[in-house]
Amino acid sequence: MKKLLATTAVVGMMATAASAATVVDLRTGGDVTSLGQYGSFSSGTVSGNIDPWRWGPTNDYLTQTSAGLGVTGFLDSNSQLDGLVDEAITFTFDRAVRLVSVTFSYFSGSDDADIYVNGVKVADESNSNPYYFGKPVATSFTVAADGIFDNFRIKSFKVAPVPLPAAGFLLLGGLAGLGALSRKRKKAA
């Protein structure tokens, strides 16, 4: 019985450690591995692509500073996410994650962001910093600036792995069954 309890405790600790949140740092020297018209990020087990967007026919470019990511392009000397020309950055994950939060820098009282999860708008003109998603399962999210006074950068975001509760319960049930079988064999002997 003691072995069963010890094994269950170890499995429980492993499941808790596996569900820890990961912060993806978008500042210079952080977790962004390439920039330009497209970028990529990788932190621990979380990775994916970054796609900048600006309204208009010209190319869009990611910019990165010690404050985070922004967007620039033709006739746009401001390399932050600004609403003078509507701009957005989309993060697409290699596998589904649970979105926790996104944090901005240079975010003042006149700034607000539109937030999309899997292409669906979940926040219109949000002035929350950090913005908390409510932990939906997603493969992408977008932060957009469309107000004339918007002028900020995306500093980081936090995600957690998608839990697999059915597998955990099956494992615990199997361990309990093995423990009961072992105890029954000892009594029979």
N, C-alpha and C. Protein backbone atom coordinates (compact mmCIF):
# COMPACT_ATOMS: atom_id res chain seq x y z
N MET A 1 0.82 -1.19 0.00
CA MET A 1 0.00 0.00 0.00
C MET A 1 0.87 1.26 0.00
N LYS A 2 1.98 1.21 0.76
CA LYS A 2 2.88 2.36 0.80
C LYS A 2 3.50 2.63 -0.56
N LYS A 3 3.81 1.54 -1.29
CA LYS A 3 4.39 1.70 -2.63
C LYS A 3 3.38 2.35 -3.56
N LEU A 4 2.12 1.93 -3.44
CA LEU A 4 1.07 2.50 -4.28
C LEU A 4 0.92 4.00 -4.01
N LEU A 5 0.91 4.38 -2.75
CA LEU A 5 0.79 5.79 -2.40
C LEU A 5 2.00 6.59 -2.89
N ALA A 6 3.18 6.03 -2.74
CA ALA A 6 4.39 6.71 -3.20
C ALA A 6 4.37 6.89 -4.71
N THR A 7 3.97 5.85 -5.43
CA THR A 7 3.90 5.92 -6.89
C THR A 7 2.87 6.95 -7.32
N THR A 8 1.72 6.97 -6.67
CA THR A 8 0.68 7.94 -6.99
C THR A 8 1.17 9.37 -6.74
N ALA A 9 1.91 9.58 -5.66
CA ALA A 9 2.45 10.90 -5.36
C ALA A 9 3.45 11.35 -6.43
N VAL A 10 4.31 10.43 -6.87
CA VAL A 10 5.28 10.76 -7.91
C VAL A 10 4.57 11.11 -9.21
N VAL A 11 3.57 10.32 -9.59
CA VAL A 11 2.81 10.60 -10.81
C VAL A 11 2.11 11.95 -10.70
N GLY A 12 1.55 12.24 -9.55
CA GLY A 12 0.90 13.54 -9.33
C GLY A 12 1.86 14.70 -9.46
N MET A 13 3.07 14.55 -8.92
CA MET A 13 4.07 15.62 -9.04
C MET A 13 4.50 15.79 -10.49
N MET A 14 4.66 14.69 -11.22
CA MET A 14 5.05 14.78 -12.62
C MET A 14 3.95 15.48 -13.42
N ALA A 15 2.70 15.18 -13.15
CA ALA A 15 1.59 15.82 -13.87
C ALA A 15 1.54 17.31 -13.56
N THR A 16 1.80 17.69 -12.31
CA THR A 16 1.81 19.10 -11.94
C THR A 16 2.95 19.83 -12.63
N ALA A 17 4.12 19.24 -12.67
CA ALA A 17 5.27 19.88 -13.32
C ALA A 17 5.03 20.02 -14.81
N ALA A 18 4.38 19.06 -15.42
CA ALA A 18 4.15 19.10 -16.86
C ALA A 18 3.17 20.19 -17.24
N SER A 19 2.32 20.62 -16.31
CA SER A 19 1.32 21.63 -16.64
C SER A 19 1.78 23.05 -16.30
N ALA A 20 3.05 23.25 -15.98
CA ALA A 20 3.56 24.57 -15.65
C ALA A 20 3.51 25.47 -16.87
N ALA A 21 3.22 26.75 -16.64
CA ALA A 21 3.12 27.72 -17.73
C ALA A 21 4.51 28.10 -18.24
N THR A 22 4.59 28.45 -19.52
CA THR A 22 5.82 28.89 -20.15
C THR A 22 5.65 30.34 -20.58
N VAL A 23 6.63 31.19 -20.24
CA VAL A 23 6.64 32.57 -20.69
C VAL A 23 7.55 32.67 -21.91
N VAL A 24 7.02 33.21 -23.00
CA VAL A 24 7.80 33.42 -24.22
C VAL A 24 8.20 34.89 -24.25
N ASP A 25 9.50 35.15 -24.16
CA ASP A 25 10.08 36.49 -24.11
C ASP A 25 10.31 36.99 -25.53
N LEU A 26 9.67 38.09 -25.90
CA LEU A 26 9.75 38.62 -27.26
C LEU A 26 10.73 39.78 -27.38
N ARG A 27 11.47 40.06 -26.32
CA ARG A 27 12.44 41.16 -26.34
C ARG A 27 13.76 40.70 -26.96
N THR A 28 14.61 41.65 -27.29
CA THR A 28 15.94 41.34 -27.81
C THR A 28 16.64 40.39 -26.85
N GLY A 29 17.23 39.33 -27.39
CA GLY A 29 17.90 38.34 -26.56
C GLY A 29 16.95 37.31 -25.96
N GLY A 30 15.66 37.40 -26.31
CA GLY A 30 14.66 36.48 -25.76
C GLY A 30 14.49 35.24 -26.61
N ASP A 31 13.24 34.88 -26.88
CA ASP A 31 12.92 33.61 -27.52
C ASP A 31 12.57 33.71 -29.00
N VAL A 32 12.75 34.88 -29.61
CA VAL A 32 12.50 35.05 -31.05
C VAL A 32 13.78 34.67 -31.77
N THR A 33 13.67 33.75 -32.74
CA THR A 33 14.87 33.23 -33.41
C THR A 33 15.08 33.78 -34.81
N SER A 34 14.10 34.43 -35.40
CA SER A 34 14.31 35.05 -36.71
C SER A 34 13.32 36.19 -36.87
N LEU A 35 13.71 37.16 -37.67
CA LEU A 35 12.88 38.35 -37.90
C LEU A 35 12.82 38.65 -39.39
N GLY A 36 12.02 39.61 -39.77
CA GLY A 36 11.86 40.02 -41.16
C GLY A 36 10.39 40.05 -41.47
N GLN A 37 10.03 39.58 -42.66
CA GLN A 37 8.62 39.53 -43.02
C GLN A 37 7.89 38.45 -42.24
N TYR A 38 8.62 37.48 -41.72
CA TYR A 38 8.06 36.45 -40.85
C TYR A 38 9.08 36.17 -39.76
N GLY A 39 8.63 35.68 -38.63
CA GLY A 39 9.53 35.34 -37.55
C GLY A 39 9.16 34.00 -36.96
N SER A 40 9.93 33.57 -35.97
CA SER A 40 9.62 32.35 -35.25
C SER A 40 10.05 32.52 -33.80
N PHE A 41 9.48 31.66 -32.94
CA PHE A 41 9.80 31.70 -31.52
C PHE A 41 9.91 30.28 -31.00
N SER A 42 10.67 30.13 -29.92
CA SER A 42 10.81 28.84 -29.27
C SER A 42 11.23 29.05 -27.83
N SER A 43 10.50 28.43 -26.91
CA SER A 43 10.81 28.50 -25.49
C SER A 43 10.35 27.20 -24.84
N GLY A 44 11.30 26.39 -24.39
CA GLY A 44 10.94 25.10 -23.80
C GLY A 44 10.26 24.23 -24.83
N THR A 45 9.04 23.80 -24.55
CA THR A 45 8.30 22.96 -25.49
C THR A 45 7.33 23.75 -26.36
N VAL A 46 7.37 25.09 -26.26
CA VAL A 46 6.46 25.95 -27.01
C VAL A 46 7.22 26.58 -28.18
N SER A 47 6.68 26.42 -29.40
CA SER A 47 7.31 27.03 -30.56
C SER A 47 6.25 27.35 -31.60
N GLY A 48 6.65 28.19 -32.57
CA GLY A 48 5.71 28.55 -33.62
C GLY A 48 6.23 29.68 -34.48
N ASN A 49 5.32 30.27 -35.25
CA ASN A 49 5.65 31.32 -36.20
C ASN A 49 5.00 32.64 -35.83
N ILE A 50 5.61 33.73 -36.32
CA ILE A 50 5.11 35.08 -36.07
C ILE A 50 4.89 35.74 -37.43
N ASP A 51 3.71 36.33 -37.62
CA ASP A 51 3.36 36.95 -38.90
C ASP A 51 2.89 38.39 -38.65
N PRO A 52 3.67 39.39 -39.12
CA PRO A 52 3.23 40.78 -38.99
C PRO A 52 2.23 41.14 -40.09
N TRP A 53 1.38 42.14 -39.84
CA TRP A 53 0.43 42.60 -40.83
C TRP A 53 0.25 44.11 -40.69
N ARG A 54 0.16 44.79 -41.81
CA ARG A 54 -0.17 46.22 -41.86
C ARG A 54 -1.21 46.41 -42.95
N TRP A 55 -2.10 47.37 -42.75
CA TRP A 55 -3.06 47.70 -43.78
C TRP A 55 -2.32 48.30 -44.96
N GLY A 56 -2.67 47.88 -46.16
CA GLY A 56 -2.07 48.44 -47.37
C GLY A 56 -1.34 47.42 -48.18
N PRO A 57 -0.86 47.83 -49.37
CA PRO A 57 -0.27 46.89 -50.32
C PRO A 57 1.21 46.59 -50.12
N THR A 58 1.88 47.22 -49.17
CA THR A 58 3.33 47.04 -49.03
C THR A 58 3.69 45.91 -48.08
N ASN A 59 4.97 45.52 -48.09
CA ASN A 59 5.45 44.46 -47.20
C ASN A 59 5.45 44.92 -45.75
N ASP A 60 5.28 43.97 -44.85
CA ASP A 60 5.25 44.21 -43.41
C ASP A 60 6.47 43.56 -42.80
N TYR A 61 7.06 44.20 -41.80
CA TYR A 61 8.28 43.68 -41.18
C TYR A 61 8.15 43.70 -39.67
N LEU A 62 8.62 42.63 -39.03
CA LEU A 62 8.70 42.60 -37.57
C LEU A 62 9.88 43.44 -37.13
N THR A 63 9.70 44.18 -36.06
CA THR A 63 10.82 44.89 -35.44
C THR A 63 10.93 44.41 -34.01
N GLN A 64 12.15 44.39 -33.50
CA GLN A 64 12.38 43.90 -32.14
C GLN A 64 13.35 44.83 -31.44
N THR A 65 13.01 45.17 -30.19
CA THR A 65 13.89 45.95 -29.33
C THR A 65 13.90 45.30 -27.95
N SER A 66 14.57 45.95 -27.02
CA SER A 66 14.58 45.45 -25.65
C SER A 66 13.20 45.57 -25.00
N ALA A 67 12.25 46.22 -25.69
CA ALA A 67 10.88 46.35 -25.17
C ALA A 67 9.92 45.34 -25.79
N GLY A 68 10.32 44.64 -26.87
CA GLY A 68 9.44 43.65 -27.48
C GLY A 68 9.29 43.81 -28.97
N LEU A 69 8.20 43.24 -29.51
CA LEU A 69 7.95 43.22 -30.96
C LEU A 69 6.99 44.32 -31.39
N GLY A 70 7.23 44.81 -32.61
CA GLY A 70 6.35 45.77 -33.27
C GLY A 70 6.34 45.48 -34.76
N VAL A 71 5.73 46.38 -35.53
CA VAL A 71 5.61 46.22 -36.98
C VAL A 71 5.98 47.52 -37.65
N THR A 72 6.65 47.41 -38.79
CA THR A 72 6.97 48.58 -39.59
C THR A 72 6.81 48.23 -41.06
N GLY A 73 6.80 49.25 -41.90
CA GLY A 73 6.67 49.05 -43.34
C GLY A 73 6.84 50.36 -44.07
N PHE A 74 6.44 50.38 -45.31
CA PHE A 74 6.58 51.54 -46.17
C PHE A 74 5.94 52.78 -45.55
N LEU A 75 6.70 53.88 -45.48
CA LEU A 75 6.27 55.16 -44.93
C LEU A 75 5.83 55.08 -43.47
N ASP A 76 6.33 54.11 -42.74
CA ASP A 76 5.99 53.96 -41.32
C ASP A 76 7.28 53.91 -40.52
N SER A 77 7.70 55.06 -40.00
CA SER A 77 8.95 55.11 -39.24
C SER A 77 8.76 54.64 -37.80
N ASN A 78 7.52 54.51 -37.34
CA ASN A 78 7.24 54.05 -35.98
C ASN A 78 7.24 52.52 -35.99
N SER A 79 8.19 51.92 -35.29
CA SER A 79 8.32 50.46 -35.34
C SER A 79 7.55 49.75 -34.23
N GLN A 80 6.60 50.41 -33.61
CA GLN A 80 5.74 49.77 -32.62
C GLN A 80 4.44 49.36 -33.30
N LEU A 81 3.57 48.69 -32.56
CA LEU A 81 2.22 48.45 -33.08
C LEU A 81 1.46 49.76 -32.91
N ASP A 82 1.13 50.39 -34.02
CA ASP A 82 0.42 51.67 -33.92
C ASP A 82 -0.78 51.65 -34.83
N GLY A 83 -1.76 52.46 -34.50
CA GLY A 83 -3.00 52.48 -35.25
C GLY A 83 -3.08 53.55 -36.31
N LEU A 84 -1.99 54.31 -36.51
CA LEU A 84 -2.01 55.30 -37.57
C LEU A 84 -2.29 54.60 -38.90
N VAL A 85 -1.60 53.48 -39.11
CA VAL A 85 -1.92 52.51 -40.16
C VAL A 85 -2.19 51.22 -39.39
N ASP A 86 -3.40 50.66 -39.51
CA ASP A 86 -3.75 49.47 -38.73
C ASP A 86 -2.68 48.38 -38.86
N GLU A 87 -2.26 47.84 -37.71
CA GLU A 87 -1.20 46.83 -37.67
C GLU A 87 -1.57 45.71 -36.71
N ALA A 88 -0.99 44.53 -36.96
CA ALA A 88 -1.26 43.37 -36.09
C ALA A 88 -0.09 42.41 -36.16
N ILE A 89 0.02 41.57 -35.15
CA ILE A 89 0.98 40.48 -35.13
C ILE A 89 0.23 39.21 -34.72
N THR A 90 0.40 38.15 -35.54
CA THR A 90 -0.24 36.87 -35.26
C THR A 90 0.82 35.86 -34.85
N PHE A 91 0.54 35.14 -33.77
CA PHE A 91 1.41 34.06 -33.27
C PHE A 91 0.69 32.74 -33.53
N THR A 92 1.32 31.85 -34.29
CA THR A 92 0.74 30.55 -34.60
C THR A 92 1.62 29.47 -33.97
N PHE A 93 1.02 28.59 -33.17
CA PHE A 93 1.75 27.57 -32.43
C PHE A 93 1.86 26.28 -33.23
N ASP A 94 2.93 25.53 -32.98
CA ASP A 94 3.13 24.25 -33.64
C ASP A 94 2.14 23.19 -33.16
N ARG A 95 1.57 23.37 -31.97
CA ARG A 95 0.53 22.49 -31.45
C ARG A 95 -0.34 23.31 -30.50
N ALA A 96 -1.51 22.80 -30.19
CA ALA A 96 -2.46 23.54 -29.35
C ALA A 96 -1.87 23.81 -27.97
N VAL A 97 -2.16 25.01 -27.45
CA VAL A 97 -1.72 25.42 -26.12
C VAL A 97 -2.91 26.05 -25.40
N ARG A 98 -2.74 26.25 -24.11
CA ARG A 98 -3.75 26.97 -23.32
C ARG A 98 -3.20 28.38 -23.11
N LEU A 99 -3.88 29.40 -23.69
CA LEU A 99 -3.42 30.79 -23.59
C LEU A 99 -3.69 31.33 -22.19
N VAL A 100 -2.66 31.92 -21.58
CA VAL A 100 -2.80 32.48 -20.24
C VAL A 100 -2.86 34.00 -20.30
N SER A 101 -1.80 34.65 -20.84
CA SER A 101 -1.78 36.12 -20.86
C SER A 101 -0.81 36.63 -21.92
N VAL A 102 -0.95 37.92 -22.24
CA VAL A 102 0.00 38.62 -23.11
C VAL A 102 0.29 39.96 -22.43
N THR A 103 1.57 40.36 -22.43
CA THR A 103 2.01 41.58 -21.75
C THR A 103 2.59 42.55 -22.77
N PHE A 104 2.28 43.82 -22.59
CA PHE A 104 2.73 44.88 -23.51
C PHE A 104 3.72 45.81 -22.83
N SER A 105 4.53 46.49 -23.64
CA SER A 105 5.38 47.57 -23.12
C SER A 105 5.00 48.84 -23.87
N TYR A 106 5.35 49.98 -23.29
CA TYR A 106 4.95 51.30 -23.80
C TYR A 106 3.43 51.42 -23.89
N PHE A 107 2.72 50.71 -23.06
CA PHE A 107 1.26 50.67 -23.09
C PHE A 107 0.76 51.71 -22.08
N SER A 108 0.19 52.81 -22.58
CA SER A 108 -0.27 53.89 -21.70
C SER A 108 -1.79 53.97 -21.70
N GLY A 109 -2.32 54.98 -21.05
CA GLY A 109 -3.77 55.14 -20.93
C GLY A 109 -4.49 55.34 -22.24
N SER A 110 -3.78 55.82 -23.28
CA SER A 110 -4.44 56.04 -24.57
C SER A 110 -4.37 54.80 -25.47
N ASP A 111 -3.66 53.76 -25.05
CA ASP A 111 -3.51 52.55 -25.86
C ASP A 111 -4.62 51.55 -25.57
N ASP A 112 -4.99 50.81 -26.60
CA ASP A 112 -5.89 49.67 -26.45
C ASP A 112 -5.58 48.69 -27.57
N ALA A 113 -5.92 47.44 -27.35
CA ALA A 113 -5.60 46.38 -28.31
C ALA A 113 -6.84 45.56 -28.62
N ASP A 114 -6.92 45.12 -29.86
CA ASP A 114 -7.92 44.12 -30.24
C ASP A 114 -7.22 42.77 -30.16
N ILE A 115 -7.86 41.80 -29.54
CA ILE A 115 -7.27 40.47 -29.35
C ILE A 115 -8.15 39.43 -30.04
N TYR A 116 -7.50 38.56 -30.82
CA TYR A 116 -8.19 37.48 -31.52
C TYR A 116 -7.58 36.15 -31.06
N VAL A 117 -8.43 35.14 -30.89
CA VAL A 117 -7.99 33.79 -30.58
C VAL A 117 -8.53 32.87 -31.67
N ASN A 118 -7.64 32.17 -32.35
CA ASN A 118 -8.03 31.32 -33.49
C ASN A 118 -8.87 32.08 -34.50
N GLY A 119 -8.53 33.35 -34.72
CA GLY A 119 -9.21 34.17 -35.72
C GLY A 119 -10.51 34.82 -35.27
N VAL A 120 -10.93 34.59 -34.03
CA VAL A 120 -12.18 35.14 -33.51
C VAL A 120 -11.84 36.25 -32.51
N LYS A 121 -12.44 37.43 -32.69
CA LYS A 121 -12.17 38.55 -31.79
C LYS A 121 -12.74 38.25 -30.40
N VAL A 122 -11.85 38.31 -29.38
CA VAL A 122 -12.28 38.06 -28.00
C VAL A 122 -12.20 39.31 -27.14
N ALA A 123 -11.51 40.35 -27.63
CA ALA A 123 -11.42 41.61 -26.90
C ALA A 123 -11.37 42.76 -27.90
N ASP A 124 -12.26 43.71 -27.73
CA ASP A 124 -12.33 44.87 -28.60
C ASP A 124 -11.90 46.10 -27.81
N GLU A 125 -10.79 46.69 -28.22
CA GLU A 125 -10.28 47.91 -27.56
C GLU A 125 -9.96 47.67 -26.08
N SER A 126 -9.29 46.57 -25.76
CA SER A 126 -8.93 46.27 -24.38
C SER A 126 -7.76 47.14 -23.94
N ASN A 127 -7.87 47.71 -22.74
CA ASN A 127 -6.75 48.49 -22.20
C ASN A 127 -6.11 47.77 -21.01
N SER A 128 -6.30 46.45 -20.92
CA SER A 128 -5.71 45.65 -19.85
C SER A 128 -4.26 45.29 -20.19
N ASN A 129 -3.38 45.48 -19.23
CA ASN A 129 -1.98 45.11 -19.39
C ASN A 129 -1.45 44.57 -18.07
N PRO A 130 -1.22 43.24 -18.00
CA PRO A 130 -1.35 42.24 -19.05
C PRO A 130 -2.82 41.93 -19.34
N TYR A 131 -3.04 41.38 -20.52
CA TYR A 131 -4.37 40.91 -20.90
C TYR A 131 -4.42 39.42 -20.58
N TYR A 132 -5.44 39.00 -19.81
CA TYR A 132 -5.62 37.59 -19.45
C TYR A 132 -6.67 36.96 -20.36
N PHE A 133 -6.30 35.86 -21.01
CA PHE A 133 -7.17 35.20 -21.98
C PHE A 133 -8.30 34.41 -21.34
N GLY A 134 -8.12 33.91 -20.14
CA GLY A 134 -9.10 33.00 -19.54
C GLY A 134 -8.79 31.54 -19.85
N LYS A 135 -7.59 31.26 -20.35
CA LYS A 135 -7.04 29.93 -20.61
C LYS A 135 -7.80 29.11 -21.66
N PRO A 136 -8.17 29.74 -22.81
CA PRO A 136 -8.76 28.91 -23.87
C PRO A 136 -7.68 28.07 -24.56
N VAL A 137 -8.09 26.96 -25.14
CA VAL A 137 -7.17 26.15 -25.94
C VAL A 137 -7.14 26.75 -27.34
N ALA A 138 -5.93 26.99 -27.87
CA ALA A 138 -5.81 27.68 -29.15
C ALA A 138 -4.58 27.22 -29.91
N THR A 139 -4.59 27.48 -31.21
CA THR A 139 -3.41 27.26 -32.05
C THR A 139 -2.85 28.58 -32.54
N SER A 140 -3.57 29.70 -32.30
CA SER A 140 -3.05 31.01 -32.69
C SER A 140 -3.75 32.12 -31.90
N PHE A 141 -3.07 33.26 -31.82
CA PHE A 141 -3.70 34.48 -31.32
C PHE A 141 -3.07 35.67 -32.02
N THR A 142 -3.85 36.76 -32.10
CA THR A 142 -3.43 37.98 -32.78
C THR A 142 -3.65 39.16 -31.87
N VAL A 143 -2.70 40.09 -31.88
CA VAL A 143 -2.85 41.37 -31.19
C VAL A 143 -2.83 42.45 -32.27
N ALA A 144 -3.86 43.32 -32.28
CA ALA A 144 -3.98 44.35 -33.31
C ALA A 144 -4.10 45.73 -32.68
N ALA A 145 -3.55 46.73 -33.39
CA ALA A 145 -3.69 48.13 -33.02
C ALA A 145 -4.43 48.82 -34.15
N ASP A 146 -5.57 49.44 -33.84
CA ASP A 146 -6.32 50.11 -34.90
C ASP A 146 -6.80 51.51 -34.52
N GLY A 147 -6.43 51.97 -33.33
CA GLY A 147 -6.81 53.31 -32.91
C GLY A 147 -5.69 54.30 -33.22
N ILE A 148 -6.02 55.52 -33.55
CA ILE A 148 -5.01 56.50 -33.96
C ILE A 148 -3.99 56.78 -32.86
N PHE A 149 -4.37 56.57 -31.60
CA PHE A 149 -3.44 56.84 -30.49
C PHE A 149 -2.70 55.58 -30.01
N ASP A 150 -3.00 54.42 -30.57
CA ASP A 150 -2.32 53.19 -30.17
C ASP A 150 -0.85 53.25 -30.57
N ASN A 151 0.02 52.83 -29.66
CA ASN A 151 1.45 52.89 -29.91
C ASN A 151 2.17 52.07 -28.85
N PHE A 152 2.30 50.74 -29.06
CA PHE A 152 2.86 49.86 -28.04
C PHE A 152 3.61 48.71 -28.68
N ARG A 153 4.25 47.88 -27.86
CA ARG A 153 4.95 46.67 -28.29
C ARG A 153 4.43 45.47 -27.51
N ILE A 154 4.63 44.28 -28.08
CA ILE A 154 4.27 43.05 -27.37
C ILE A 154 5.54 42.53 -26.71
N LYS A 155 5.55 42.52 -25.38
CA LYS A 155 6.74 42.17 -24.61
C LYS A 155 6.89 40.65 -24.41
N SER A 156 5.79 39.97 -24.08
CA SER A 156 5.85 38.53 -23.81
C SER A 156 4.44 37.97 -23.80
N PHE A 157 4.36 36.65 -23.83
CA PHE A 157 3.08 35.99 -23.60
C PHE A 157 3.33 34.72 -22.81
N LYS A 158 2.28 34.27 -22.13
CA LYS A 158 2.38 33.07 -21.28
C LYS A 158 1.36 32.05 -21.75
N VAL A 159 1.82 30.80 -21.90
CA VAL A 159 0.94 29.70 -22.30
C VAL A 159 1.20 28.51 -21.40
N ALA A 160 0.24 27.61 -21.36
CA ALA A 160 0.37 26.37 -20.60
C ALA A 160 0.03 25.21 -21.54
N PRO A 161 0.58 24.03 -21.26
CA PRO A 161 0.23 22.88 -22.11
C PRO A 161 -1.23 22.48 -21.92
N VAL A 162 -1.78 21.87 -22.92
CA VAL A 162 -3.15 21.37 -22.84
C VAL A 162 -3.10 20.07 -22.03
N PRO A 163 -3.83 20.01 -20.91
CA PRO A 163 -3.77 18.81 -20.08
C PRO A 163 -4.45 17.62 -20.75
N LEU A 164 -4.00 16.45 -20.40
CA LEU A 164 -4.59 15.20 -20.89
C LEU A 164 -5.16 14.43 -19.71
N PRO A 165 -6.29 14.87 -19.17
CA PRO A 165 -6.80 14.24 -17.95
C PRO A 165 -7.18 12.77 -18.12
N ALA A 166 -7.70 12.39 -19.24
CA ALA A 166 -8.12 11.00 -19.41
C ALA A 166 -6.93 10.05 -19.28
N ALA A 167 -5.80 10.42 -19.86
CA ALA A 167 -4.62 9.57 -19.77
C ALA A 167 -4.13 9.48 -18.33
N GLY A 168 -4.19 10.57 -17.60
CA GLY A 168 -3.76 10.57 -16.19
C GLY A 168 -4.65 9.68 -15.33
N PHE A 169 -5.96 9.77 -15.57
CA PHE A 169 -6.88 8.93 -14.80
C PHE A 169 -6.70 7.45 -15.14
N LEU A 170 -6.44 7.15 -16.41
CA LEU A 170 -6.19 5.76 -16.79
C LEU A 170 -4.93 5.24 -16.11
N LEU A 171 -3.88 6.07 -16.07
CA LEU A 171 -2.64 5.66 -15.41
C LEU A 171 -2.86 5.42 -13.92
N LEU A 172 -3.54 6.35 -13.26
CA LEU A 172 -3.80 6.17 -11.82
C LEU A 172 -4.67 4.94 -11.57
N GLY A 173 -5.67 4.72 -12.43
CA GLY A 173 -6.51 3.53 -12.28
C GLY A 173 -5.71 2.24 -12.45
N GLY A 174 -4.81 2.23 -13.42
CA GLY A 174 -3.96 1.07 -13.64
C GLY A 174 -3.04 0.81 -12.46
N LEU A 175 -2.46 1.87 -11.91
CA LEU A 175 -1.58 1.72 -10.74
C LEU A 175 -2.36 1.20 -9.53
N ALA A 176 -3.57 1.73 -9.35
CA ALA A 176 -4.39 1.25 -8.23
C ALA A 176 -4.74 -0.22 -8.42
N GLY A 177 -5.05 -0.62 -9.64
CA GLY A 177 -5.35 -2.03 -9.92
C GLY A 177 -4.16 -2.92 -9.65
N LEU A 178 -2.96 -2.49 -10.05
CA LEU A 178 -1.76 -3.27 -9.78
C LEU A 178 -1.50 -3.40 -8.28
N GLY A 179 -1.75 -2.30 -7.56
CA GLY A 179 -1.56 -2.34 -6.11
C GLY A 179 -2.53 -3.30 -5.44
N ALA A 180 -3.78 -3.28 -5.88
CA ALA A 180 -4.79 -4.18 -5.32
C ALA A 180 -4.46 -5.64 -5.64
N LEU A 181 -4.01 -5.89 -6.86
CA LEU A 181 -3.63 -7.24 -7.27
C LEU A 181 -2.44 -7.74 -6.44
N SER A 182 -1.47 -6.86 -6.23
CA SER A 182 -0.29 -7.23 -5.44
C SER A 182 -0.69 -7.56 -4.00
N ARG A 183 -1.58 -6.75 -3.43
CA ARG A 183 -2.02 -6.98 -2.06
C ARG A 183 -2.79 -8.30 -1.96
N LYS A 184 -3.61 -8.61 -2.97
CA LYS A 184 -4.38 -9.84 -2.97
C LYS A 184 -3.46 -11.06 -3.05
N ARG A 185 -2.39 -10.97 -3.85
CA ARG A 185 -1.45 -12.08 -3.99
C ARG A 185 -0.70 -12.32 -2.67
N LYS A 186 -0.39 -11.23 -1.97
CA LYS A 186 0.33 -11.38 -0.69
C LYS A 186 -0.55 -12.04 0.34
N LYS A 187 -1.84 -11.71 0.34
CA LYS A 187 -2.76 -12.33 1.30
C LYS A 187 -2.95 -13.82 0.99
N ALA A 188 -2.97 -14.18 -0.30
CA ALA A 188 -3.17 -15.56 -0.70
C ALA A 188 -1.95 -16.43 -0.35
N ALA A 189 -0.77 -15.83 -0.29
CA ALA A 189 0.45 -16.60 -0.04
C ALA A 189 0.65 -16.93 1.40
